[in-house]
């Protein structure tokens, strides 16, 4: 068994040219056929073949870079990172954003030492422009990708003074790894909470409904986009 098969539980030839990488709870948004019989399970990744795309889900962001590098062994041409982010500039819960630039604080040691996030990586410009033209409700954004939810509080003041409008844990990793293996990558996020709340924010019922609607709206629009790529 190869390393790829160990990670994914399938052969590289089973991967579609379009891949959606998302958290496990979001995988079912992209297919009506996500029964256990259709989910392929590897050691670190679960995947669903939707025909128009391979949906790849992982519980944690720790190995998302490995996932992208391994996709370099396949016919994958486009990666769509789909998931949540925290608002750093007062965006409402459920706001949908397309990440154009991602600053990197994705090293725990970097954050532990309080080192600045002075390096950034970019989404594929052509793919992102197509997404913005087709999914007109997305808002362009710059994010910072962090490696620690505990240490991110050290970056609050710096983020307030910067162009950064949201915080996530994967975009810089996906963008950099995709560039390494020659795959186009874009990132679409929905806002789940304010950055400064530090996991303490409790959603109201109306916010929960707004968030659920945003997730469905974005996944539906992305499905339609990929089918016409």
Protein backbone atom coordinates (compact mmCIF):
# COMPACT_ATOMS: atom_id res chain seq x y z
CA UNK A 1 0.00 0.00 0.00
CA UNK A 2 1.34 3.42 -0.96
CA UNK A 3 1.42 6.49 1.27
CA UNK A 4 -1.40 7.99 -0.79
CA UNK A 5 -3.59 4.93 -0.29
CA UNK A 6 -2.84 4.99 3.43
CA UNK A 7 -3.93 8.62 3.74
CA UNK A 8 -6.95 8.47 1.43
CA UNK A 9 -8.04 4.83 1.36
CA UNK A 10 -8.32 5.02 -2.45
CA UNK A 11 -6.03 5.04 -5.46
CA UNK A 12 -4.78 8.35 -6.91
CA UNK A 13 -6.72 7.56 -10.10
CA UNK A 14 -10.00 7.89 -8.15
CA UNK A 15 -9.45 11.61 -7.54
CA UNK A 16 -11.40 14.08 -9.67
CA UNK A 17 -9.75 17.09 -11.36
CA UNK A 18 -11.79 19.28 -8.98
CA UNK A 19 -11.37 18.73 -5.25
CA UNK A 20 -13.21 20.36 -2.36
CA UNK A 21 -11.35 20.26 0.95
CA UNK A 22 -13.60 20.89 3.92
CA UNK A 23 -14.17 20.04 7.59
CA UNK A 24 -15.98 16.75 8.20
CA UNK A 25 -19.29 18.41 9.23
CA UNK A 26 -19.46 20.22 5.87
CA UNK A 27 -18.91 17.23 3.59
CA UNK A 28 -22.60 16.37 3.36
CA UNK A 29 -23.38 19.84 1.97
CA UNK A 30 -22.00 18.83 -1.42
CA UNK A 31 -23.91 15.64 -2.09
CA UNK A 32 -27.24 14.00 -1.42
CA UNK A 33 -25.51 10.65 -1.51
CA UNK A 34 -23.17 10.80 1.49
CA UNK A 35 -24.18 7.47 3.03
CA UNK A 36 -21.49 5.41 4.69
CA UNK A 37 -21.35 3.16 1.61
CA UNK A 38 -20.19 6.09 -0.53
CA UNK A 39 -17.61 7.49 1.88
CA UNK A 40 -14.08 6.22 1.30
CA UNK A 41 -12.03 6.24 4.49
CA UNK A 42 -8.27 6.44 4.76
CA UNK A 43 -6.20 6.81 7.91
CA UNK A 44 -6.46 10.61 7.88
CA UNK A 45 -8.97 11.53 5.18
CA UNK A 46 -12.50 10.71 4.11
CA UNK A 47 -13.56 11.29 0.52
CA UNK A 48 -16.77 11.24 -1.47
CA UNK A 49 -16.89 11.03 -5.26
CA UNK A 50 -19.67 13.42 -6.31
CA UNK A 51 -19.07 12.95 -10.02
CA UNK A 52 -18.21 16.61 -10.62
CA UNK A 53 -15.72 16.74 -7.73
CA UNK A 54 -14.03 14.76 -5.01
CA UNK A 55 -15.03 16.04 -1.58
CA UNK A 56 -12.15 15.52 0.85
CA UNK A 57 -12.85 16.01 4.53
CA UNK A 58 -10.60 15.96 7.54
CA UNK A 59 -11.40 16.44 11.21
CA UNK A 60 -8.43 18.69 11.91
CA UNK A 61 -6.27 21.02 9.85
CA UNK A 62 -3.00 19.41 11.00
CA UNK A 63 -2.40 17.38 7.84
CA UNK A 64 -4.09 19.58 5.24
CA UNK A 65 -0.70 20.43 3.74
CA UNK A 66 0.08 16.74 3.28
CA UNK A 67 -3.30 16.25 1.64
CA UNK A 68 -2.57 18.93 -0.94
CA UNK A 69 0.94 17.63 -1.62
CA UNK A 70 -0.43 14.13 -2.18
CA UNK A 71 -3.05 15.51 -4.56
CA UNK A 72 -0.07 16.49 -6.69
CA UNK A 73 0.15 12.78 -7.58
CA UNK A 74 -3.34 12.87 -9.08
CA UNK A 75 -5.16 14.55 -11.95
CA UNK A 76 -6.43 17.23 -9.56
CA UNK A 77 -6.24 20.66 -11.21
CA UNK A 78 -8.37 22.80 -8.88
CA UNK A 79 -8.65 22.83 -5.10
CA UNK A 80 -11.51 24.64 -3.40
CA UNK A 81 -10.93 25.12 0.32
CA UNK A 82 -14.32 25.46 2.03
CA UNK A 83 -14.85 26.19 5.70
CA UNK A 84 -15.21 28.64 8.54
CA UNK A 85 -13.35 31.71 9.68
CA UNK A 86 -13.55 34.27 12.47
CA UNK A 87 -14.32 37.88 11.71
CA UNK A 88 -11.56 40.37 12.51
CA UNK A 89 -13.29 43.46 11.13
CA UNK A 90 -16.84 43.17 12.45
CA UNK A 91 -18.41 41.10 9.67
CA UNK A 92 -21.77 39.58 10.55
CA UNK A 93 -22.16 35.88 11.30
CA UNK A 94 -22.72 34.06 8.01
CA UNK A 95 -20.82 36.59 5.88
CA UNK A 96 -19.30 34.74 2.93
CA UNK A 97 -15.74 35.59 1.92
CA UNK A 98 -13.28 34.57 -0.78
CA UNK A 99 -9.69 34.70 0.41
CA UNK A 100 -7.27 36.41 -1.95
CA UNK A 101 -4.24 36.58 0.35
CA UNK A 102 -3.39 34.55 3.45
CA UNK A 103 -0.76 35.61 5.96
CA UNK A 104 1.05 32.75 7.62
CA UNK A 105 1.08 32.24 11.38
CA UNK A 106 0.58 28.53 10.81
CA UNK A 107 3.57 27.44 12.92
CA UNK A 108 2.94 26.81 16.61
CA UNK A 109 6.54 27.70 17.45
CA UNK A 110 6.21 30.94 15.48
CA UNK A 111 3.16 31.90 17.51
CA UNK A 112 4.68 30.74 20.80
CA UNK A 113 7.66 33.02 20.19
CA UNK A 114 5.43 35.90 19.13
CA UNK A 115 7.06 36.13 15.72
CA UNK A 116 5.28 38.38 13.18
CA UNK A 117 3.24 36.94 10.35
CA UNK A 118 5.20 38.75 7.65
CA UNK A 119 4.94 36.09 4.95
CA UNK A 120 1.81 35.60 2.88
CA UNK A 121 0.53 33.35 0.11
CA UNK A 122 -2.02 34.01 -2.59
CA UNK A 123 -4.98 32.16 -4.03
CA UNK A 124 -4.82 31.36 -7.72
CA UNK A 125 -5.83 34.63 -9.35
CA UNK A 126 -7.54 33.18 -12.42
CA UNK A 127 -9.63 30.70 -10.43
CA UNK A 128 -10.54 33.29 -7.80
CA UNK A 129 -11.60 35.84 -10.41
CA UNK A 130 -13.86 33.24 -12.03
CA UNK A 131 -15.40 32.48 -8.65
CA UNK A 132 -16.01 36.17 -7.91
CA UNK A 133 -17.64 36.65 -11.30
CA UNK A 134 -19.93 33.66 -10.90
CA UNK A 135 -20.67 33.74 -7.16
CA UNK A 136 -21.49 37.42 -6.89
CA UNK A 137 -22.29 37.45 -3.15
CA UNK A 138 -18.76 36.53 -2.00
CA UNK A 139 -16.70 39.31 -0.45
CA UNK A 140 -12.94 39.48 -1.20
CA UNK A 141 -10.84 39.22 1.97
CA UNK A 142 -7.36 38.88 3.38
CA UNK A 143 -6.90 36.39 6.19
CA UNK A 144 -4.29 35.17 8.63
CA UNK A 145 -3.93 31.43 9.14
CA UNK A 146 -3.04 30.50 12.72
CA UNK A 147 -1.74 27.31 14.31
CA UNK A 148 -3.09 27.83 17.82
CA UNK A 149 -6.43 28.98 19.17
CA UNK A 150 -4.83 29.60 22.56
CA UNK A 151 -1.97 31.75 21.26
CA UNK A 152 -3.95 33.71 18.66
CA UNK A 153 -4.86 36.31 21.32
CA UNK A 154 -1.28 37.59 21.05
CA UNK A 155 -2.06 38.72 17.49
CA UNK A 156 -5.28 40.63 18.20
CA UNK A 157 -3.80 44.13 18.32
CA UNK A 158 -1.64 43.59 15.25
CA UNK A 159 -4.59 42.28 13.26
CA UNK A 160 -6.72 45.27 14.25
CA UNK A 161 -4.15 47.60 12.68
CA UNK A 162 -3.69 45.54 9.51
CA UNK A 163 -5.58 44.77 6.31
CA UNK A 164 -6.49 41.34 7.68
CA UNK A 165 -10.24 40.87 7.90
CA UNK A 166 -10.59 37.26 9.08
CA UNK A 167 -8.76 34.42 10.81
CA UNK A 168 -8.61 30.75 9.80
CA UNK A 169 -6.30 27.75 10.20
CA UNK A 170 -5.75 26.39 6.67
CA UNK A 171 -5.61 28.93 3.85
CA UNK A 172 -1.89 29.76 3.93
CA UNK A 173 -1.03 26.06 4.14
CA UNK A 174 -3.27 25.12 1.22
CA UNK A 175 -2.13 28.04 -0.95
CA UNK A 176 1.58 27.35 -0.38
CA UNK A 177 1.31 23.58 -0.85
CA UNK A 178 -0.83 24.00 -3.98
CA UNK A 179 1.76 26.32 -5.51
CA UNK A 180 4.43 23.73 -4.74
CA UNK A 181 2.66 20.99 -6.71
CA UNK A 182 1.19 23.17 -9.46
CA UNK A 183 -2.49 23.03 -8.52
CA UNK A 184 -4.80 26.06 -8.62
CA UNK A 185 -6.32 26.80 -5.21
CA UNK A 186 -9.07 29.08 -3.96
CA UNK A 187 -10.66 29.48 -0.52
CA UNK A 188 -14.27 30.25 0.37
CA UNK A 189 -15.18 30.85 4.01
CA UNK A 190 -18.25 31.65 6.07
CA UNK A 191 -17.92 33.72 9.26
CA UNK A 192 -18.84 31.82 12.44
CA UNK A 193 -17.79 34.18 15.24
CA UNK A 194 -15.84 37.34 16.11
CA UNK A 195 -12.09 36.78 16.36
CA UNK A 196 -11.77 38.52 19.71
CA UNK A 197 -14.37 36.24 21.28
CA UNK A 198 -11.71 33.48 21.46
CA UNK A 199 -14.12 30.52 21.23
CA UNK A 200 -16.36 32.01 23.92
CA UNK A 201 -18.98 33.42 21.56
CA UNK A 202 -22.43 31.86 21.82
CA UNK A 203 -24.59 32.05 18.71
CA UNK A 204 -28.17 33.21 19.06
CA UNK A 205 -30.91 31.16 17.40
CA UNK A 206 -31.21 33.69 14.59
CA UNK A 207 -27.43 33.60 14.06
CA UNK A 208 -27.48 29.80 13.94
CA UNK A 209 -30.14 29.96 11.24
CA UNK A 210 -28.24 32.61 9.32
CA UNK A 211 -25.06 30.52 9.49
CA UNK A 212 -26.84 27.37 8.33
CA UNK A 213 -28.36 29.25 5.41
CA UNK A 214 -24.98 30.72 4.44
CA UNK A 215 -23.31 27.31 4.44
CA UNK A 216 -26.04 25.89 2.22
CA UNK A 217 -26.06 28.91 -0.09
CA UNK A 218 -22.28 28.83 -0.54
CA UNK A 219 -22.03 25.07 -1.05
CA UNK A 220 -24.85 25.15 -3.61
CA UNK A 221 -23.18 27.99 -5.50
CA UNK A 222 -19.81 26.21 -5.44
CA UNK A 223 -21.40 23.01 -6.72
CA UNK A 224 -22.93 24.89 -9.65
CA UNK A 225 -19.65 26.67 -10.36
CA UNK A 226 -17.60 23.47 -10.46
CA UNK A 227 -20.10 21.72 -12.71
CA UNK A 228 -19.60 24.49 -15.26
CA UNK A 229 -15.82 24.89 -14.96
